[in-house]
Amino acid sequence: MAFSATFSRQLPNLIAGLALMIAALVLAAPVGAQVTAFKQAVAEAAAQDDDIAAFYRENDYTAIWTGSADEHRARRSELLRAISLADNHGLPVTRYNPDAILEMLRNAQSPRDRGFAEVELSRVFLRYARDVQTGVLIPKRIISQIVREIPYRDRKTYLQDLPKASPAAFFRALPPRSLEYNALLKEKIVMEKLLSQGGWGPAVPAGKLEPGDTGNDVIALRNRLIAMGYLKRSNAVGYDASLTDAVRQFQEAHGLNTDGVAGATTMKQINIGVEQRLQSVMVALERERWFNTDRGKRHVLVNIPDFSAKIIDDGKTTFQTRSVVGAAREDRPTPEFSDVMEHMVVNPSWYVPRSIIVGEYLPQLKRNPYAVGHIEITDSRGRKVNRGAVNFNRYTARTFPFAMRQPPSNTNALGLVKFMFPNKYNIYLHDTPAKSLFDRDVRAFSHGCVRLAEPFEFAYALMAPQSADPEGEFQAILRSGRETRIVLDEQVPVHLIYRTAVTNARGHTEYRDDVYGRDALIWKALAKAGVALRGVQG
C-alpha cells in the first residue's frame, strides 16, 4: 500500500518529465526518418501478438501512447496509475511491472526505442484491461466443474476504443460495474485493515459451547464475538442471553441454523481468521470478473456454498428458498454455469441417469432382480421389462441395454415438480421427498442437481407474470396426477455460482464454508499469479 500511494503521488511529475523527453526526441531528427524508424520498430515488436499487429497495421502504425500530445500523455498517465494500483482490485502488480514500463520510457532515446515502448505499453494495457474486466485466471484450467462461459471481449477492441474516449473514463469503466463488485472492494479494505491490526484475536479452543456454560472458553468466545462486532463490550463470564443472541446473529450472517448454540459447525466458522476471510473476498472479486455479464432483469441465482436459490427482479431478491446441492464427492459436485429456464414439469417422471443406473442400481439388480422395485426398467422402445426374465449378471456397465424410470408419485426422487434449463450437464432444480435435509447446516447431498425446500412457492413466483392465479393453476395441474409441462412465456436466466463471500441485502458481506474446496484452489492459483494479501495501516 505504501508503494502504491508513493508511486501515485510521484506519477504526475514522472509523466511530465517523460513528456518533455519525448518532445525533445521528436525534434532531434528529420521527421521522415523518425516516422520510418518508429513504424518499423512497431511492426517488428507487434509481430509477436496477432491482435496488436492487426491494430497497428490498420492504423498505419500510428502511436497512441508515446506521442508528445496531451492525449498521449493522459493515456500513459492513466495506464501507469491503473497498473501501479492494480492490487486495489486484488490483481498482481508484478504482472504489469510499472517500474519496468517507466524505465523503458526513460530509456527511449530514439524513434526505434519509442516504437518498442509503444508496443510494450499496448501489451501491458491489454493484459491489465482483460484481467480487471474478466479475470486473471482461466477457471476451467483450475477446476473442471467451473464450466461458465467467460464474457471475454475481443482484445483488439480495447485498443480501437481507447483513443475515442477520455482515458480516465475508459479506465474507470473497465472493472465490473456491479453492486456486488463494489461491495467486495469495500470489504477488502476493511479486512486488510483488520489484518494489519492483528485480526479478531485468539481462536476459541472449545469444540462446543452452549447457553449455561461458564469458564475460560466462554470468555474466549465472548471476546471473539466482541472483536467481530456481534456483541457489545462485556465482562460477563457465562453463556448468557446476550451471548446467545450474538451467536444467533453470527449464525444468521454465516448461513447456519440460528439455534444460539456454538456447536462444531458454528465454532469452525467463528475460528476462521481474517486472513482466510480476506482470501475469500479476493477470490470473490476474481469470480465476479468471470461473471461480468448481463444477468437478466429477472433471473434465478443459485449460490452453491450458501445452499440457496433466489429469484432476482430488477436487482432485488423477490423469492428465496433453501437448497440442497451436489455432494462433495468426485462425481457429484454441482457445476458452475449459466443457462436459461424454459419450462417446469409438474408430476415428473424421473429418468434415471446412466451413471446411477450402472453405478448404483445394476450391482443391486445382480444380487436381486427385484431390487429397487419402485423403479421401472424399460427397453429401447420404452416398454416395461419383466425383471424375472432377465439375467442381470450377464451385463456390465458398458453392455447394460435398459433404461430406468420412476413414475410420478409423492415418493419420486424429483418430488412433484422440476424446473428445466436444458444443458449438457443434466442439471436442473427440483422438489424432493427428503425434506429433513433442509434442516442441516451443510446441505451437500444430491447427485449434482439442486433440490428446493419450497418448490411450489418457487413455481408460483415463476408463473406470476403469466397467470392471474399461479397457485390455483399449479395446484389444479398437480391434483391431476398427470405429467404436465408448463412453458414459461418469458424464459428466465439461471446462474449457478459459487461464492464464499457474498453481500446481503443490507450491503454487508457474509461468509460461507468452502464446501467443495474450490476457493482454496483458486486462491492458490491467484497467489501463484502474484496476487498477495496486504494490510492497511490504521
Protein backbone atom coordinates (compact mmCIF):
# COMPACT_ATOMS: atom_id res chain seq x y z
CA MET A 1 0.00 0.00 0.00
CA ALA A 2 2.84 2.40 0.86
CA PHE A 3 4.49 1.75 -2.51
CA SER A 4 1.24 2.32 -4.38
CA ALA A 5 0.49 5.61 -2.62
CA THR A 6 4.04 6.93 -3.13
CA PHE A 7 4.01 5.87 -6.77
CA SER A 8 0.64 7.55 -7.31
CA ARG A 9 1.88 10.84 -5.82
CA GLN A 10 5.03 10.83 -7.93
CA LEU A 11 3.28 9.80 -11.13
CA PRO A 12 2.28 13.28 -12.47
CA ASN A 13 5.90 14.51 -12.18
CA LEU A 14 7.23 11.36 -13.80
CA ILE A 15 4.78 11.65 -16.70
CA ALA A 16 5.59 15.34 -17.20
CA GLY A 17 9.30 14.55 -17.36
CA LEU A 18 8.71 11.77 -19.84
CA ALA A 19 6.61 14.09 -22.00
CA LEU A 20 9.50 16.57 -22.23
CA MET A 21 11.91 13.79 -23.15
CA ILE A 22 9.59 12.52 -25.87
CA ALA A 23 9.05 16.04 -27.23
CA ALA A 24 12.80 16.58 -27.39
CA LEU A 25 13.19 13.26 -29.16
CA VAL A 26 10.63 14.22 -31.79
CA LEU A 27 12.60 17.39 -32.61
CA ALA A 28 16.01 15.75 -32.66
CA ALA A 29 15.90 14.07 -36.09
CA PRO A 30 14.29 14.59 -39.51
CA VAL A 31 10.59 13.77 -39.42
CA GLY A 32 10.69 11.22 -42.24
CA ALA A 33 13.49 9.22 -40.68
CA GLN A 34 11.75 9.28 -37.30
CA VAL A 35 8.46 8.03 -38.71
CA THR A 36 10.08 5.25 -40.69
CA ALA A 37 12.21 4.03 -37.77
CA PHE A 38 9.24 4.23 -35.39
CA LYS A 39 6.89 2.31 -37.70
CA GLN A 40 9.47 -0.37 -38.41
CA ALA A 41 10.03 -0.88 -34.70
CA VAL A 42 6.28 -1.05 -34.03
CA ALA A 43 5.78 -3.60 -36.80
CA GLU A 44 8.69 -5.67 -35.56
CA ALA A 45 7.60 -5.66 -31.90
CA ALA A 46 3.90 -6.16 -32.67
CA ALA A 47 4.58 -9.23 -34.81
CA GLN A 48 4.63 -11.33 -31.64
CA ASP A 49 0.94 -10.63 -30.95
CA ASP A 50 -1.66 -11.04 -33.71
CA ASP A 51 -4.19 -8.63 -32.18
CA ILE A 52 -1.66 -5.88 -31.55
CA ALA A 53 -0.14 -6.38 -35.02
CA ALA A 54 -3.58 -6.12 -36.66
CA PHE A 55 -4.43 -2.95 -34.73
CA TYR A 56 -1.25 -1.11 -35.70
CA ARG A 57 -1.42 -2.35 -39.26
CA GLU A 58 -4.94 -0.94 -39.57
CA ASN A 59 -4.00 2.45 -38.10
CA ASP A 60 -0.82 2.74 -40.21
CA TYR A 61 1.44 2.15 -37.18
CA THR A 62 0.41 5.45 -35.60
CA ALA A 63 1.29 5.93 -31.92
CA ILE A 64 -1.48 6.05 -29.33
CA TRP A 65 0.80 6.13 -26.24
CA THR A 66 4.21 7.61 -26.95
CA GLY A 67 3.49 10.85 -28.80
CA SER A 68 4.02 14.27 -27.25
CA ALA A 69 0.35 15.35 -27.48
CA ASP A 70 -1.79 15.84 -24.37
CA GLU A 71 -3.99 12.82 -25.15
CA HIS A 72 -0.92 10.56 -25.35
CA ARG A 73 0.35 11.85 -22.04
CA ALA A 74 -3.10 11.32 -20.49
CA ARG A 75 -3.23 7.71 -21.71
CA ARG A 76 0.25 6.96 -20.36
CA SER A 77 -0.63 8.54 -17.05
CA GLU A 78 -3.88 6.57 -16.66
CA LEU A 79 -2.25 3.28 -17.65
CA LEU A 80 0.64 3.74 -15.23
CA ARG A 81 -1.73 4.76 -12.46
CA ALA A 82 -4.01 1.76 -13.12
CA ILE A 83 -1.25 -0.86 -13.15
CA SER A 84 0.53 0.63 -10.13
CA LEU A 85 -2.73 0.41 -8.13
CA ALA A 86 -3.86 -2.93 -9.56
CA ASP A 87 -3.71 -4.53 -6.13
CA ASN A 88 -6.72 -2.38 -5.16
CA HIS A 89 -8.68 -4.84 -7.29
CA GLY A 90 -6.85 -7.88 -5.98
CA LEU A 91 -4.71 -8.06 -9.13
CA PRO A 92 -0.95 -8.77 -9.17
CA VAL A 93 1.03 -5.56 -9.74
CA THR A 94 4.09 -7.65 -10.65
CA ARG A 95 2.20 -8.94 -13.67
CA TYR A 96 2.28 -5.42 -15.20
CA ASN A 97 5.60 -4.23 -13.75
CA PRO A 98 5.07 -0.44 -13.73
CA ASP A 99 8.71 0.17 -12.75
CA ALA A 100 9.90 -1.59 -15.91
CA ILE A 101 7.48 0.44 -18.04
CA LEU A 102 8.77 3.70 -16.59
CA GLU A 103 12.35 2.61 -17.12
CA MET A 104 11.63 1.70 -20.73
CA LEU A 105 10.09 5.12 -21.37
CA ARG A 106 13.01 6.90 -19.71
CA ASN A 107 15.46 4.96 -21.88
CA ALA A 108 13.59 5.57 -25.16
CA GLN A 109 16.40 7.61 -26.75
CA SER A 110 15.48 7.03 -30.39
CA PRO A 111 12.38 6.63 -32.59
CA ARG A 112 13.14 2.88 -32.69
CA ASP A 113 13.22 2.74 -28.88
CA ARG A 114 9.94 4.65 -28.80
CA GLY A 115 8.40 2.15 -31.23
CA PHE A 116 9.27 -0.76 -28.95
CA ALA A 117 7.95 1.18 -25.95
CA GLU A 118 4.71 1.89 -27.84
CA VAL A 119 4.02 -1.80 -28.36
CA GLU A 120 5.01 -2.72 -24.81
CA LEU A 121 2.52 -0.20 -23.44
CA SER A 122 -0.19 -1.74 -25.62
CA ARG A 123 0.77 -5.22 -24.48
CA VAL A 124 0.60 -4.28 -20.79
CA PHE A 125 -2.62 -2.34 -21.39
CA LEU A 126 -4.31 -5.38 -22.98
CA ARG A 127 -3.20 -7.63 -20.17
CA TYR A 128 -4.50 -5.26 -17.49
CA ALA A 129 -7.75 -4.48 -19.32
CA ARG A 130 -8.68 -8.12 -19.72
CA ASP A 131 -7.56 -9.04 -16.20
CA VAL A 132 -9.60 -6.31 -14.48
CA GLN A 133 -12.65 -6.92 -16.69
CA THR A 134 -12.84 -10.73 -16.96
CA GLY A 135 -10.23 -12.12 -14.57
CA VAL A 136 -6.58 -13.08 -14.27
CA LEU A 137 -7.23 -16.83 -14.30
CA ILE A 138 -8.87 -19.19 -16.78
CA PRO A 139 -11.18 -21.03 -14.35
CA LYS A 140 -11.63 -24.34 -16.18
CA ARG A 141 -7.87 -24.85 -16.07
CA ILE A 142 -8.07 -24.87 -12.28
CA ILE A 143 -11.40 -26.60 -11.63
CA SER A 144 -13.12 -28.72 -14.25
CA GLN A 145 -16.59 -28.12 -12.75
CA ILE A 146 -16.39 -24.39 -13.50
CA VAL A 147 -17.88 -24.53 -16.97
CA ARG A 148 -19.07 -20.94 -17.09
CA GLU A 149 -18.57 -19.08 -20.37
CA ILE A 150 -16.36 -16.12 -19.54
CA PRO A 151 -17.50 -12.95 -21.41
CA TYR A 152 -14.15 -12.22 -22.99
CA ARG A 153 -14.04 -9.13 -25.17
CA ASP A 154 -12.17 -9.04 -28.48
CA ARG A 155 -8.73 -7.78 -27.40
CA LYS A 156 -8.34 -5.54 -30.42
CA THR A 157 -11.43 -3.53 -29.48
CA TYR A 158 -9.71 -2.27 -26.33
CA LEU A 159 -7.05 -0.63 -28.50
CA GLN A 160 -9.61 0.63 -31.00
CA ASP A 161 -11.89 2.17 -28.38
CA LEU A 162 -9.28 3.78 -26.13
CA PRO A 163 -8.44 6.70 -28.49
CA LYS A 164 -12.15 7.51 -28.84
CA ALA A 165 -12.72 8.04 -25.12
CA SER A 166 -11.44 10.07 -22.21
CA PRO A 167 -8.58 7.96 -20.81
CA ALA A 168 -9.75 8.40 -17.21
CA ALA A 169 -13.32 7.43 -18.06
CA PHE A 170 -12.15 4.47 -20.13
CA PHE A 171 -10.09 3.00 -17.31
CA ARG A 172 -12.84 3.63 -14.75
CA ALA A 173 -15.26 1.64 -16.92
CA LEU A 174 -13.07 -1.45 -17.21
CA PRO A 175 -13.82 -3.25 -13.90
CA PRO A 176 -17.24 -4.86 -13.31
CA ARG A 177 -19.86 -2.23 -12.52
CA SER A 178 -21.99 -4.48 -10.34
CA LEU A 179 -23.01 -3.53 -6.81
CA GLU A 180 -21.51 -6.81 -5.63
CA TYR A 181 -18.07 -5.96 -7.02
CA ASN A 182 -18.08 -2.54 -5.38
CA ALA A 183 -19.22 -4.03 -2.06
CA LEU A 184 -16.40 -6.58 -2.22
CA LEU A 185 -13.85 -3.82 -2.88
CA LYS A 186 -15.05 -2.04 0.27
CA GLU A 187 -14.93 -5.27 2.29
CA LYS A 188 -11.40 -5.87 1.03
CA ILE A 189 -10.27 -2.56 2.55
CA VAL A 190 -12.00 -3.38 5.85
CA MET A 191 -10.42 -6.83 6.06
CA GLU A 192 -6.97 -5.51 5.13
CA LYS A 193 -7.17 -3.01 7.97
CA LEU A 194 -8.29 -5.73 10.38
CA LEU A 195 -5.42 -7.93 9.23
CA SER A 196 -2.90 -5.14 9.87
CA GLN A 197 -4.33 -4.76 13.40
CA GLY A 198 -3.97 -8.43 14.26
CA GLY A 199 -7.41 -9.75 13.36
CA TRP A 200 -10.03 -10.88 15.86
CA GLY A 201 -7.68 -12.21 18.48
CA PRO A 202 -7.24 -15.78 19.78
CA ALA A 203 -9.38 -18.62 18.49
CA VAL A 204 -11.85 -20.34 20.82
CA PRO A 205 -10.33 -23.67 21.94
CA ALA A 206 -13.63 -25.42 22.80
CA GLY A 207 -15.32 -27.79 20.36
CA LYS A 208 -18.81 -26.85 21.55
CA LEU A 209 -20.35 -24.30 23.91
CA GLU A 210 -23.98 -23.70 24.77
CA PRO A 211 -26.18 -21.50 26.97
CA GLY A 212 -25.44 -22.01 30.66
CA ASP A 213 -21.75 -22.83 30.17
CA THR A 214 -19.09 -20.85 32.04
CA GLY A 215 -15.31 -20.67 32.15
CA ASN A 216 -12.35 -19.53 30.10
CA ASP A 217 -13.66 -20.96 26.83
CA VAL A 218 -16.86 -18.93 27.18
CA ILE A 219 -14.76 -15.82 27.84
CA ALA A 220 -12.74 -16.57 24.70
CA LEU A 221 -15.97 -16.90 22.70
CA ARG A 222 -17.27 -13.67 24.19
CA ASN A 223 -14.08 -11.79 23.30
CA ARG A 224 -14.04 -13.20 19.78
CA LEU A 225 -17.63 -12.11 19.10
CA ILE A 226 -16.93 -8.65 20.57
CA ALA A 227 -13.97 -8.26 18.21
CA MET A 228 -16.16 -9.35 15.29
CA GLY A 229 -18.83 -6.79 16.17
CA TYR A 230 -21.60 -9.19 17.16
CA LEU A 231 -21.53 -8.35 20.88
CA LYS A 232 -21.10 -5.16 22.91
CA ARG A 233 -18.20 -4.99 25.34
CA SER A 234 -18.96 -7.03 28.43
CA ASN A 235 -17.31 -8.60 31.47
CA ALA A 236 -19.80 -11.48 31.60
CA VAL A 237 -18.21 -14.88 32.23
CA GLY A 238 -21.22 -17.04 31.41
CA TYR A 239 -23.02 -18.10 28.24
CA ASP A 240 -25.93 -15.76 28.94
CA ALA A 241 -28.80 -14.39 26.87
CA SER A 242 -26.63 -11.66 25.30
CA LEU A 243 -24.00 -14.15 24.19
CA THR A 244 -26.72 -16.48 22.87
CA ASP A 245 -28.17 -13.65 20.81
CA ALA A 246 -24.69 -12.77 19.50
CA VAL A 247 -24.15 -16.38 18.42
CA ARG A 248 -27.51 -16.34 16.66
CA GLN A 249 -26.52 -13.16 14.79
CA PHE A 250 -23.24 -14.76 13.77
CA GLN A 251 -25.05 -17.89 12.62
CA GLU A 252 -27.52 -15.90 10.53
CA ALA A 253 -24.66 -13.98 8.89
CA HIS A 254 -22.90 -17.25 8.01
CA GLY A 255 -25.87 -19.21 6.67
CA LEU A 256 -26.16 -21.51 9.70
CA ASN A 257 -29.17 -22.65 11.71
CA THR A 258 -29.81 -19.94 14.28
CA ASP A 259 -30.15 -22.07 17.42
CA GLY A 260 -27.77 -19.95 19.53
CA VAL A 261 -25.57 -22.96 20.29
CA ALA A 262 -21.89 -22.74 19.31
CA GLY A 263 -21.68 -26.30 18.01
CA ALA A 264 -18.93 -27.79 15.87
CA THR A 265 -20.05 -26.17 12.60
CA THR A 266 -20.61 -22.76 14.17
CA MET A 267 -17.33 -22.93 16.08
CA LYS A 268 -15.44 -23.78 12.91
CA GLN A 269 -16.75 -20.60 11.29
CA ILE A 270 -16.10 -18.48 14.38
CA ASN A 271 -12.47 -19.61 14.45
CA ILE A 272 -11.72 -18.78 10.81
CA GLY A 273 -9.31 -15.86 10.83
CA VAL A 274 -9.24 -12.54 8.99
CA GLU A 275 -6.58 -13.77 6.57
CA GLN A 276 -8.79 -16.59 5.27
CA ARG A 277 -11.81 -14.27 5.06
CA LEU A 278 -9.74 -11.78 3.06
CA GLN A 279 -8.72 -14.60 0.73
CA SER A 280 -12.44 -15.35 0.22
CA VAL A 281 -13.01 -11.71 -0.74
CA MET A 282 -10.11 -11.76 -3.20
CA VAL A 283 -11.44 -14.95 -4.79
CA ALA A 284 -14.95 -13.47 -4.92
CA LEU A 285 -13.59 -10.43 -6.79
CA GLU A 286 -12.00 -12.73 -9.36
CA ARG A 287 -15.22 -14.73 -9.64
CA GLU A 288 -17.19 -11.52 -10.13
CA ARG A 289 -14.87 -10.65 -13.01
CA TRP A 290 -15.59 -14.06 -14.59
CA PHE A 291 -19.30 -13.28 -14.19
CA ASN A 292 -19.09 -9.77 -15.66
CA THR A 293 -22.16 -10.03 -17.87
CA ASP A 294 -25.82 -9.07 -18.10
CA ARG A 295 -27.58 -11.49 -15.74
CA GLY A 296 -31.10 -10.65 -16.86
CA LYS A 297 -33.73 -8.28 -15.48
CA ARG A 298 -35.31 -11.36 -13.89
CA HIS A 299 -33.04 -14.29 -13.14
CA VAL A 300 -32.54 -17.23 -10.80
CA LEU A 301 -29.37 -17.23 -8.71
CA VAL A 302 -28.18 -20.41 -7.01
CA ASN A 303 -25.19 -19.90 -4.71
CA ILE A 304 -23.79 -23.36 -4.09
CA PRO A 305 -21.95 -22.76 -0.76
CA ASP A 306 -24.91 -20.72 0.51
CA PHE A 307 -27.28 -23.62 -0.22
CA SER A 308 -29.83 -21.12 -1.52
CA ALA A 309 -31.87 -20.38 -4.62
CA LYS A 310 -33.22 -16.89 -5.28
CA ILE A 311 -35.37 -15.15 -7.84
CA ILE A 312 -33.95 -11.70 -8.56
CA ASP A 313 -36.12 -8.99 -10.13
CA ASP A 314 -34.51 -5.67 -11.07
CA GLY A 315 -31.62 -6.33 -8.71
CA LYS A 316 -33.79 -7.23 -5.70
CA THR A 317 -34.46 -10.67 -4.22
CA THR A 318 -38.19 -11.35 -4.56
CA PHE A 319 -38.11 -15.01 -3.55
CA GLN A 320 -35.59 -17.14 -1.68
CA THR A 321 -35.53 -20.74 -0.50
CA ARG A 322 -33.04 -23.20 0.94
CA SER A 323 -31.44 -25.72 -1.36
CA VAL A 324 -29.56 -29.00 -1.34
CA VAL A 325 -26.66 -29.21 -3.79
CA GLY A 326 -24.36 -31.92 -5.10
CA ALA A 327 -22.37 -33.97 -2.60
CA ALA A 328 -18.70 -33.15 -2.11
CA ARG A 329 -17.61 -36.27 -3.95
CA GLU A 330 -15.64 -36.53 -7.18
CA ASP A 331 -18.65 -37.45 -9.35
CA ARG A 332 -21.35 -35.35 -7.67
CA PRO A 333 -20.50 -31.65 -7.11
CA THR A 334 -22.84 -29.15 -8.74
CA PRO A 335 -21.07 -27.41 -11.65
CA GLU A 336 -20.95 -23.64 -12.15
CA PHE A 337 -22.58 -22.32 -15.30
CA SER A 338 -25.45 -20.24 -16.67
CA ASP A 339 -28.35 -21.26 -18.89
CA VAL A 340 -31.98 -20.35 -19.48
CA MET A 341 -35.05 -21.87 -17.79
CA GLU A 342 -37.66 -22.71 -20.42
CA HIS A 343 -40.31 -24.71 -18.57
CA MET A 344 -41.27 -26.69 -15.50
CA VAL A 345 -42.70 -30.20 -15.31
CA VAL A 346 -45.42 -30.95 -12.75
CA ASN A 347 -45.76 -34.60 -11.62
CA PRO A 348 -42.48 -35.51 -13.33
CA SER A 349 -41.11 -38.92 -14.09
CA TRP A 350 -37.52 -39.48 -13.04
CA TYR A 351 -35.48 -40.84 -15.89
CA VAL A 352 -32.55 -42.31 -14.01
CA PRO A 353 -29.17 -41.04 -15.28
CA ARG A 354 -26.99 -43.70 -16.85
CA SER A 355 -24.28 -43.12 -14.24
CA ILE A 356 -26.70 -44.03 -11.43
CA ILE A 357 -28.16 -46.99 -13.34
CA VAL A 358 -24.82 -48.73 -13.87
CA GLY A 359 -23.01 -47.38 -10.83
CA GLU A 360 -25.66 -47.92 -8.15
CA TYR A 361 -28.63 -49.95 -9.42
CA LEU A 362 -27.03 -52.60 -11.63
CA PRO A 363 -24.94 -54.05 -8.76
CA GLN A 364 -28.14 -54.35 -6.70
CA LEU A 365 -30.02 -56.00 -9.58
CA LYS A 366 -27.25 -58.57 -9.95
CA ARG A 367 -27.80 -59.58 -6.34
CA ASN A 368 -31.60 -59.40 -6.54
CA PRO A 369 -33.52 -58.81 -9.80
CA TYR A 370 -36.40 -57.32 -7.80
CA ALA A 371 -34.25 -54.71 -6.04
CA VAL A 372 -35.19 -51.01 -6.39
CA GLY A 373 -38.73 -52.13 -7.17
CA HIS A 374 -40.05 -48.56 -7.26
CA ILE A 375 -38.12 -48.04 -10.49
CA GLU A 376 -39.41 -49.34 -13.84
CA ILE A 377 -36.91 -51.00 -16.19
CA THR A 378 -37.65 -50.24 -19.85
CA ASP A 379 -36.25 -51.39 -23.19
CA SER A 380 -35.17 -49.24 -26.12
CA ARG A 381 -38.83 -48.79 -27.16
CA GLY A 382 -39.93 -47.67 -23.70
CA ARG A 383 -41.69 -50.96 -22.91
CA LYS A 384 -41.64 -52.22 -19.32
CA VAL A 385 -39.25 -55.16 -18.84
CA ASN A 386 -40.15 -58.28 -16.86
CA ARG A 387 -37.38 -58.44 -14.26
CA GLY A 388 -37.84 -62.15 -13.70
CA ALA A 389 -36.99 -62.87 -17.33
CA VAL A 390 -33.63 -61.00 -17.27
CA ASN A 391 -30.27 -62.37 -16.13
CA PHE A 392 -28.68 -59.14 -14.92
CA ASN A 393 -25.39 -60.86 -14.14
CA ARG A 394 -24.62 -61.17 -17.84
CA TYR A 395 -24.34 -57.38 -18.20
CA THR A 396 -21.57 -54.94 -17.44
CA ALA A 397 -21.75 -51.20 -17.02
CA ARG A 398 -20.92 -50.88 -20.72
CA THR A 399 -23.32 -53.52 -22.08
CA PHE A 400 -26.41 -52.95 -19.89
CA PRO A 401 -29.13 -52.29 -22.54
CA PHE A 402 -32.01 -50.96 -20.44
CA ALA A 403 -33.23 -47.59 -19.20
CA MET A 404 -34.87 -46.96 -15.84
CA ARG A 405 -37.75 -44.67 -14.91
CA GLN A 406 -39.57 -43.76 -11.73
CA PRO A 407 -43.21 -42.78 -12.49
CA PRO A 408 -44.78 -39.66 -10.95
CA SER A 409 -45.59 -40.04 -7.25
CA ASN A 410 -45.10 -38.41 -3.86
CA THR A 411 -42.00 -40.54 -3.37
CA ASN A 412 -40.48 -39.74 -6.76
CA ALA A 413 -36.82 -38.70 -6.45
CA LEU A 414 -37.69 -35.41 -8.15
CA GLY A 415 -40.67 -34.80 -5.91
CA LEU A 416 -43.69 -33.23 -7.62
CA VAL A 417 -42.10 -30.56 -9.82
CA LYS A 418 -38.85 -29.95 -11.67
CA PHE A 419 -37.56 -26.77 -13.32
CA MET A 420 -35.77 -27.22 -16.63
CA PHE A 421 -32.99 -25.15 -18.17
CA PRO A 422 -31.76 -27.73 -20.72
CA ASN A 423 -27.99 -28.16 -20.52
CA LYS A 424 -25.42 -30.80 -21.37
CA TYR A 425 -24.64 -31.35 -17.69
CA ASN A 426 -28.17 -32.68 -16.98
CA ILE A 427 -28.57 -30.28 -14.06
CA TYR A 428 -31.92 -28.83 -13.04
CA LEU A 429 -33.83 -27.60 -9.98
CA HIS A 430 -36.45 -29.85 -8.42
CA ASP A 431 -38.58 -30.84 -5.45
CA THR A 432 -37.58 -33.78 -3.23
CA PRO A 433 -39.29 -36.13 -0.77
CA ALA A 434 -36.22 -35.89 1.52
CA LYS A 435 -37.37 -32.76 3.34
CA SER A 436 -35.33 -33.33 6.52
CA LEU A 437 -32.07 -32.48 4.75
CA PHE A 438 -33.09 -28.82 4.57
CA ASP A 439 -32.73 -28.54 8.35
CA ARG A 440 -28.97 -29.16 8.22
CA ASP A 441 -26.27 -26.51 8.19
CA VAL A 442 -24.36 -28.21 5.38
CA ARG A 443 -26.68 -29.37 2.60
CA ALA A 444 -24.50 -31.13 0.01
CA PHE A 445 -26.20 -34.48 -0.63
CA SER A 446 -27.50 -34.68 -4.21
CA HIS A 447 -26.04 -36.23 -7.36
CA GLY A 448 -25.47 -32.70 -8.71
CA CYS A 449 -28.95 -31.26 -9.25
CA VAL A 450 -30.35 -28.58 -6.94
CA ARG A 451 -33.22 -29.53 -4.65
CA LEU A 452 -35.54 -26.80 -3.36
CA ALA A 453 -37.10 -26.57 0.09
CA GLU A 454 -40.14 -24.64 -1.21
CA PRO A 455 -40.59 -25.79 -4.80
CA PHE A 456 -44.31 -24.99 -5.07
CA GLU A 457 -43.79 -21.39 -3.92
CA PHE A 458 -40.85 -21.15 -6.34
CA ALA A 459 -43.20 -22.28 -9.13
CA TYR A 460 -45.87 -19.72 -8.15
CA ALA A 461 -43.27 -16.93 -8.28
CA LEU A 462 -42.07 -18.02 -11.72
CA MET A 463 -45.64 -18.26 -13.04
CA ALA A 464 -46.82 -14.95 -11.55
CA PRO A 465 -46.02 -12.81 -14.64
CA GLN A 466 -48.13 -15.05 -16.88
CA SER A 467 -51.00 -16.18 -14.66
CA ALA A 468 -53.74 -14.35 -12.77
CA ASP A 469 -53.84 -17.23 -10.28
CA PRO A 470 -50.48 -19.02 -10.37
CA GLU A 471 -51.12 -21.05 -7.22
CA GLY A 472 -54.56 -22.20 -8.36
CA GLU A 473 -53.34 -23.09 -11.84
CA PHE A 474 -50.37 -25.02 -10.49
CA GLN A 475 -52.39 -26.91 -7.88
CA ALA A 476 -55.02 -27.94 -10.45
CA ILE A 477 -52.32 -29.49 -12.62
CA LEU A 478 -50.74 -31.10 -9.57
CA ARG A 479 -54.02 -32.71 -8.49
CA SER A 480 -54.49 -34.25 -11.93
CA GLY A 481 -51.54 -36.54 -11.28
CA ARG A 482 -50.57 -36.30 -14.95
CA GLU A 483 -47.08 -35.39 -16.06
CA THR A 484 -47.58 -31.86 -17.42
CA ARG A 485 -45.23 -29.26 -18.85
CA ILE A 486 -45.75 -25.57 -18.04
CA VAL A 487 -43.88 -23.39 -20.52
CA LEU A 488 -42.61 -20.05 -19.27
CA ASP A 489 -43.79 -17.22 -21.54
CA GLU A 490 -40.55 -15.38 -20.79
CA GLN A 491 -37.51 -17.58 -20.33
CA VAL A 492 -35.53 -16.91 -17.16
CA PRO A 493 -31.72 -17.00 -16.99
CA VAL A 494 -30.39 -19.36 -14.32
CA HIS A 495 -26.94 -18.77 -12.82
CA LEU A 496 -25.24 -21.40 -10.68
CA ILE A 497 -22.46 -19.59 -8.84
CA TYR A 498 -20.02 -20.39 -6.03
CA ARG A 499 -19.37 -17.59 -3.54
CA THR A 500 -17.99 -17.95 -0.03
CA ALA A 501 -18.02 -14.15 0.38
CA VAL A 502 -21.32 -12.59 -0.61
CA THR A 503 -23.15 -9.31 0.06
CA ASN A 504 -26.52 -9.39 1.80
CA ALA A 505 -29.49 -7.08 1.17
CA ARG A 506 -28.14 -4.59 3.75
CA GLY A 507 -24.84 -4.30 1.91
CA HIS A 508 -22.85 -6.29 4.48
CA THR A 509 -20.51 -9.09 3.44
CA GLU A 510 -21.33 -12.56 4.74
CA TYR A 511 -19.20 -15.69 4.57
CA ARG A 512 -19.89 -19.32 3.78
CA ASP A 513 -17.90 -22.54 4.08
CA ASP A 514 -15.82 -23.60 1.06
CA VAL A 515 -17.88 -26.79 0.77
CA TYR A 516 -16.07 -28.17 -2.31
CA GLY A 517 -12.67 -26.61 -1.59
CA ARG A 518 -12.85 -24.69 -4.88
CA ASP A 519 -12.00 -21.28 -3.44
CA ALA A 520 -8.88 -22.69 -1.80
CA LEU A 521 -7.67 -23.90 -5.21
CA ILE A 522 -8.48 -20.56 -6.83
CA TRP A 523 -6.66 -18.64 -4.12
CA LYS A 524 -3.62 -20.88 -4.60
CA ALA A 525 -3.69 -20.09 -8.34
CA LEU A 526 -4.11 -16.36 -7.70
CA ALA A 527 -1.18 -16.39 -5.29
CA LYS A 528 0.92 -18.21 -7.87
CA ALA A 529 0.00 -15.49 -10.39
CA GLY A 530 1.33 -12.86 -7.97
CA VAL A 531 -1.75 -11.79 -6.00
CA ALA A 532 -0.82 -11.03 -2.39
CA LEU A 533 -2.65 -10.02 0.76
CA ARG A 534 -1.86 -6.63 2.17
CA GLY A 535 -2.66 -4.87 5.41
CA VAL A 536 -3.75 -1.24 5.51
CA GLN A 537 -2.04 0.61 8.33
CA GLY A 538 -4.52 2.23 10.68
